[in-house]
C-alpha atoms as a PDB file:
ATOM      1  CA  MET A   1      -1.514   8.155 -12.855  1.00  0.00           C
ATOM      2  CA  VAL A   2      -4.182  10.727 -12.228  1.00  0.00           C
ATOM      3  CA  ASN A   3      -2.175  13.921 -12.451  1.00  0.00           C
ATOM      4  CA  ILE A   4      -3.108  14.326 -16.101  1.00  0.00           C
ATOM      5  CA  ASP A   5      -6.490  13.632 -17.683  1.00  0.00           C
ATOM      6  CA  LYS A   6      -5.372  12.514 -21.106  1.00  0.00           C
ATOM      7  CA  TRP A   7      -2.404  11.722 -23.252  1.00  0.00           C
ATOM      8  CA  ASP A   8      -2.713  10.849 -26.882  1.00  0.00           C
ATOM      9  CA  GLY A   9      -5.512   8.290 -27.178  1.00  0.00           C
ATOM     10  CA  PRO A  10      -8.227   7.357 -27.034  1.00  0.00           C
ATOM     11  CA  LEU A  11      -7.233   3.853 -25.948  1.00  0.00           C
ATOM     12  CA  PRO A  12      -8.644   1.035 -28.038  1.00  0.00           C
ATOM     13  CA  GLN A  13     -11.351  -1.054 -26.353  1.00  0.00           C
ATOM     14  CA  SER A  14      -9.142  -4.131 -26.781  1.00  0.00           C
ATOM     15  CA  TYR A  15      -6.524  -2.529 -24.514  1.00  0.00           C
ATOM     16  CA  ILE A  16      -9.133  -1.653 -21.873  1.00  0.00           C
ATOM     17  CA  ASP A  17     -10.548  -5.195 -22.010  1.00  0.00           C
ATOM     18  CA  GLY A  18      -7.054  -6.639 -21.713  1.00  0.00           C
ATOM     19  CA  GLN A  19      -6.338  -4.537 -18.631  1.00  0.00           C
ATOM     20  CA  HIS A  20      -9.595  -5.760 -17.072  1.00  0.00           C
ATOM     21  CA  GLU A  21      -8.647  -9.391 -17.724  1.00  0.00           C
ATOM     22  CA  LEU A  22      -5.144  -8.801 -16.361  1.00  0.00           C
ATOM     23  CA  GLN A  23      -6.536  -7.219 -13.190  1.00  0.00           C
ATOM     24  CA  ASN A  24      -8.806 -10.206 -12.619  1.00  0.00           C
ATOM     25  CA  SER A  25      -5.876 -12.592 -13.139  1.00  0.00           C
ATOM     26  CA  ILE A  26      -3.685 -10.692 -10.694  1.00  0.00           C
ATOM     27  CA  LEU A  27      -6.400 -10.584  -8.034  1.00  0.00           C
ATOM     28  CA  ALA A  28      -7.178 -14.290  -8.476  1.00  0.00           C
ATOM     29  CA  ARG A  29      -3.511 -15.205  -8.049  1.00  0.00           C
ATOM     30  CA  GLU A  30      -3.078 -12.962  -5.004  1.00  0.00           C
ATOM     31  CA  ARG A  31      -6.113 -14.547  -3.358  1.00  0.00           C
ATOM     32  CA  GLU A  32      -4.903 -18.034  -4.316  1.00  0.00           C
ATOM     33  CA  LEU A  33      -1.667 -17.254  -2.467  1.00  0.00           C
ATOM     34  CA  GLY A  34      -3.612 -16.139   0.616  1.00  0.00           C
ATOM     35  CA  MET A  35      -2.957 -12.446   0.077  1.00  0.00           C
ATOM     36  CA  SER A  36      -5.468  -9.685   0.780  1.00  0.00           C
ATOM     37  CA  PRO A  37      -5.171  -7.299  -2.154  1.00  0.00           C
ATOM     38  CA  VAL A  38      -5.378  -3.576  -1.560  1.00  0.00           C
ATOM     39  CA  LEU A  39      -7.973  -2.264  -4.003  1.00  0.00           C
ATOM     40  CA  CYS A  40      -8.212   1.323  -5.163  1.00  0.00           C
ATOM     41  CA  ALA A  41     -10.706   3.683  -3.597  1.00  0.00           C
ATOM     42  CA  PHE A  42     -12.093   6.820  -5.222  1.00  0.00           C
ATOM     43  CA  ALA A  43      -9.489   9.540  -4.715  1.00  0.00           C
ATOM     44  CA  GLY A  44     -11.503  12.489  -6.002  1.00  0.00           C
ATOM     45  CA  HIS A  45     -10.258  12.836  -9.559  1.00  0.00           C
ATOM     46  CA  VAL A  46     -13.237  13.547 -11.808  1.00  0.00           C
ATOM     47  CA  PRO A  47     -13.864  14.566 -15.421  1.00  0.00           C
ATOM     48  CA  GLU A  48     -14.122  18.268 -16.178  1.00  0.00           C
ATOM     49  CA  ALA A  49     -17.692  17.684 -17.375  1.00  0.00           C
ATOM     50  CA  LEU A  50     -18.779  17.102 -13.763  1.00  0.00           C
ATOM     51  CA  LYS A  51     -18.181  20.781 -12.990  1.00  0.00           C
ATOM     52  CA  VAL A  52     -20.628  21.720 -15.751  1.00  0.00           C
ATOM     53  CA  ALA A  53     -23.153  18.985 -14.954  1.00  0.00           C
ATOM     54  CA  GLN A  54     -23.068  19.619 -11.186  1.00  0.00           C
ATOM     55  CA  PRO A  55     -22.083  23.285 -10.712  1.00  0.00           C
ATOM     56  CA  THR A  56     -22.697  23.229  -6.946  1.00  0.00           C
ATOM     57  CA  MET A  57     -20.113  20.508  -6.382  1.00  0.00           C
ATOM     58  CA  LYS A  58     -16.684  21.615  -5.174  1.00  0.00           C
ATOM     59  CA  VAL A  59     -14.775  20.593  -8.294  1.00  0.00           C
ATOM     60  CA  GLN A  60     -11.431  22.320  -8.697  1.00  0.00           C
ATOM     61  CA  ARG A  61      -8.781  22.204 -11.336  1.00  0.00           C
ATOM     62  CA  ILE A  62      -5.465  20.919 -10.117  1.00  0.00           C
ATOM     63  CA  PRO A  63      -2.967  23.702 -10.807  1.00  0.00           C
ATOM     64  CA  PRO A  64      -1.763  23.116 -14.369  1.00  0.00           C
ATOM     65  CA  GLY A  65       1.837  22.546 -15.225  1.00  0.00           C
ATOM     66  CA  TRP A  66       2.440  19.341 -13.264  1.00  0.00           C
ATOM     67  CA  GLY A  67       5.521  17.643 -14.671  1.00  0.00           C
ATOM     68  CA  GLY A  68       5.821  20.310 -17.334  1.00  0.00           C
ATOM     69  CA  PHE A  69       2.563  19.314 -19.032  1.00  0.00           C
ATOM     70  CA  SER A  70       0.536  22.094 -20.627  1.00  0.00           C
ATOM     71  CA  ASP A  71      -2.864  23.217 -19.331  1.00  0.00           C
ATOM     72  CA  ALA A  72      -4.588  20.960 -21.891  1.00  0.00           C
ATOM     73  CA  TYR A  73      -3.614  17.910 -19.826  1.00  0.00           C
ATOM     74  CA  GLY A  74      -4.606  19.187 -16.375  1.00  0.00           C
ATOM     75  CA  CYS A  75      -7.044  17.261 -14.229  1.00  0.00           C
ATOM     76  CA  TRP A  76      -9.994  18.012 -11.975  1.00  0.00           C
ATOM     77  CA  PHE A  77     -10.526  17.060  -8.363  1.00  0.00           C
ATOM     78  CA  LEU A  78     -13.645  16.798  -6.196  1.00  0.00           C
ATOM     79  CA  ASN A  79     -12.926  18.192  -2.757  1.00  0.00           C
ATOM     80  CA  PRO A  80     -13.311  15.385  -0.175  1.00  0.00           C
ATOM     81  CA  LEU A  81     -15.278  17.793   2.006  1.00  0.00           C
ATOM     82  CA  ASP A  82     -17.985  18.157  -0.662  1.00  0.00           C
ATOM     83  CA  ALA A  83     -21.287  16.637   0.475  1.00  0.00           C
ATOM     84  CA  GLN A  84     -21.426  14.300  -2.575  1.00  0.00           C
ATOM     85  CA  PHE A  85     -17.929  12.874  -2.128  1.00  0.00           C
ATOM     86  CA  LYS A  86     -19.019  10.086   0.234  1.00  0.00           C
ATOM     87  CA  GLU A  87     -21.834   8.983  -2.067  1.00  0.00           C
ATOM     88  CA  ILE A  88     -19.528   8.860  -5.087  1.00  0.00           C
ATOM     89  CA  GLN A  89     -17.035   6.881  -3.015  1.00  0.00           C
ATOM     90  CA  ILE A  90     -19.740   4.363  -2.047  1.00  0.00           C
ATOM     91  CA  GLN A  91     -20.951   3.995  -5.644  1.00  0.00           C
ATOM     92  CA  PHE A  92     -17.352   3.574  -6.824  1.00  0.00           C
ATOM     93  CA  LEU A  93     -16.796   0.772  -4.302  1.00  0.00           C
ATOM     94  CA  LYS A  94     -20.069  -0.950  -5.250  1.00  0.00           C
ATOM     95  CA  GLU A  95     -19.141  -1.007  -8.929  1.00  0.00           C
ATOM     96  CA  GLN A  96     -15.617  -2.121  -8.167  1.00  0.00           C
ATOM     97  CA  GLN A  97     -16.877  -4.918  -5.933  1.00  0.00           C
ATOM     98  CA  LYS A  98     -19.096  -6.193  -8.773  1.00  0.00           C
ATOM     99  CA  GLU A  99     -16.042  -6.426 -11.024  1.00  0.00           C
ATOM    100  CA  TYR A 100     -13.277  -7.489  -8.647  1.00  0.00           C
ATOM    101  CA  GLY A 101     -14.790  -8.638  -5.363  1.00  0.00           C
ATOM    102  CA  THR A 102     -13.358  -7.224  -2.174  1.00  0.00           C
ATOM    103  CA  SER A 103     -10.538  -7.821   0.239  1.00  0.00           C
ATOM    104  CA  HIS A 104     -11.659  -5.221   2.765  1.00  0.00           C
ATOM    105  CA  TYR A 105      -8.481  -3.220   2.186  1.00  0.00           C
ATOM    106  CA  TYR A 106      -8.548  -0.016   0.193  1.00  0.00           C
ATOM    107  CA  GLY A 107      -5.859   2.434  -0.755  1.00  0.00           C
ATOM    108  CA  THR A 108      -6.038   5.938  -2.063  1.00  0.00           C
ATOM    109  CA  ASP A 109      -3.753   8.856  -2.685  1.00  0.00           C
ATOM    110  CA  PRO A 110      -6.041  11.876  -2.946  1.00  0.00           C
ATOM    111  CA  PHE A 111      -3.250  14.387  -2.582  1.00  0.00           C
ATOM    112  CA  ASN A 112      -0.703  12.864  -4.939  1.00  0.00           C
ATOM    113  CA  GLU A 113       1.515  15.663  -6.145  1.00  0.00           C
ATOM    114  CA  ILE A 114      -0.890  18.344  -4.902  1.00  0.00           C
ATOM    115  CA  ALA A 115       0.837  20.943  -2.786  1.00  0.00           C
ATOM    116  CA  PRO A 116      -1.345  22.538  -0.100  1.00  0.00           C
ATOM    117  CA  ARG A 117      -2.109  26.218  -0.388  1.00  0.00           C
ATOM    118  CA  ALA A 118      -0.630  28.469   2.249  1.00  0.00           C
ATOM    119  CA  GLY A 119      -2.559  28.122   5.482  1.00  0.00           C
ATOM    120  CA  SER A 120      -4.561  25.091   4.318  1.00  0.00           C
ATOM    121  CA  ARG A 121      -2.723  22.318   6.150  1.00  0.00           C
ATOM    122  CA  PRO A 122      -5.594  21.656   8.596  1.00  0.00           C
ATOM    123  CA  ILE A 123      -7.633  20.262   5.680  1.00  0.00           C
ATOM    124  CA  TRP A 124      -5.498  17.112   5.502  1.00  0.00           C
ATOM    125  CA  PRO A 125      -6.682  15.489   8.768  1.00  0.00           C
ATOM    126  CA  ALA A 126     -10.261  16.652   8.123  1.00  0.00           C
ATOM    127  CA  CYS A 127     -10.318  14.786   4.816  1.00  0.00           C
ATOM    128  CA  ARG A 128      -9.918  11.334   6.321  1.00  0.00           C
ATOM    129  CA  GLY A 129     -13.581  11.323   7.416  1.00  0.00           C
ATOM    130  CA  PRO A 130     -15.144  11.291   3.928  1.00  0.00           C
ATOM    131  CA  PHE A 131     -12.945   8.346   2.987  1.00  0.00           C
ATOM    132  CA  THR A 132     -13.252   6.184   6.073  1.00  0.00           C
ATOM    133  CA  THR A 133     -16.950   6.916   6.665  1.00  0.00           C
ATOM    134  CA  ALA A 134     -17.796   5.806   3.130  1.00  0.00           C
ATOM    135  CA  TRP A 135     -15.636   2.705   3.464  1.00  0.00           C
ATOM    136  CA  ARG A 136     -17.299   1.746   6.743  1.00  0.00           C
ATOM    137  CA  LYS A 137     -20.742   2.293   5.229  1.00  0.00           C
ATOM    138  CA  LYS A 138     -19.939   0.051   2.266  1.00  0.00           C
ATOM    139  CA  ILE A 139     -17.960  -2.518   4.257  1.00  0.00           C
ATOM    140  CA  PRO A 140     -19.453  -2.418   7.756  1.00  0.00           C
ATOM    141  CA  THR A 141     -17.725  -5.533   9.075  1.00  0.00           C
ATOM    142  CA  GLN A 142     -14.015  -5.072   8.653  1.00  0.00           C
ATOM    143  CA  PHE A 143     -11.871  -2.823   6.547  1.00  0.00           C
ATOM    144  CA  GLY A 144      -8.436  -1.326   6.477  1.00  0.00           C
ATOM    145  CA  CYS A 145      -7.185   1.723   4.700  1.00  0.00           C
ATOM    146  CA  LYS A 146      -3.762   2.422   3.304  1.00  0.00           C
ATOM    147  CA  TRP A 147      -2.444   5.927   2.909  1.00  0.00           C
ATOM    148  CA  PRO A 148       0.801   6.255   0.983  1.00  0.00           C
ATOM    149  CA  GLY A 149       3.651   6.998   3.351  1.00  0.00           C
ATOM    150  CA  ARG A 150       5.663   8.610   0.597  1.00  0.00           C
ATOM    151  CA  SER A 151       3.355  11.604   0.363  1.00  0.00           C
ATOM    152  CA  LYS A 152       5.351  14.684   1.212  1.00  0.00           C
ATOM    153  CA  HIS A 153       2.122  16.250   2.416  1.00  0.00           C
ATOM    154  CA  ALA A 154       1.152  13.509   4.871  1.00  0.00           C
ATOM    155  CA  THR A 155       0.663  14.801   8.379  1.00  0.00           C
ATOM    156  CA  ASN A 156       0.012  13.295  11.756  1.00  0.00           C
ATOM    157  CA  GLY A 157      -3.702  12.776  12.153  1.00  0.00           C
ATOM    158  CA  LEU A 158      -4.485  11.852   8.552  1.00  0.00           C
ATOM    159  CA  THR A 159      -4.589   8.141   9.280  1.00  0.00           C
ATOM    160  CA  THR A 160      -6.097   8.374  12.754  1.00  0.00           C
ATOM    161  CA  GLY A 161      -9.244   6.287  12.831  1.00  0.00           C
ATOM    162  CA  CYS A 162      -8.468   4.215   9.751  1.00  0.00           C
ATOM    163  CA  GLN A 163      -8.584   0.902  11.568  1.00  0.00           C
ATOM    164  CA  PRO A 164     -11.935  -0.163  13.051  1.00  0.00           C
END
């Protein structure tokens, strides 16, 4: 979940390594069964330190209080319309491909639990470009994107252009 940046922790390296091994096992089995796994794409959640390190980037704090958590657990989000978003997305996919290979299908939920501000609904369809353009640049042959249908903020037009 990316609605909070921390909880207790830090996680021991053995846990992180175990999760990496488990992910590789799951992907290997899915591929063995002829499945095309849907891998995660960069959704825009970034560490708070990015706002300090790159003050010109459009990094915003997600309104605190999600799920009753205090401000100390809030997370930060890079606006998909920021000029650097596509490059971060491409670098994310490159690193992920080194670790897990690819299936040409990517899923993301950049607006999970984020309510739009009044009058901001037109941003949702505009945000698909930074995602799909980066995916096409990294995977120029074939790709598919999956947007969660459960999102209460999904609108017509968000998924237009996802398929090549």
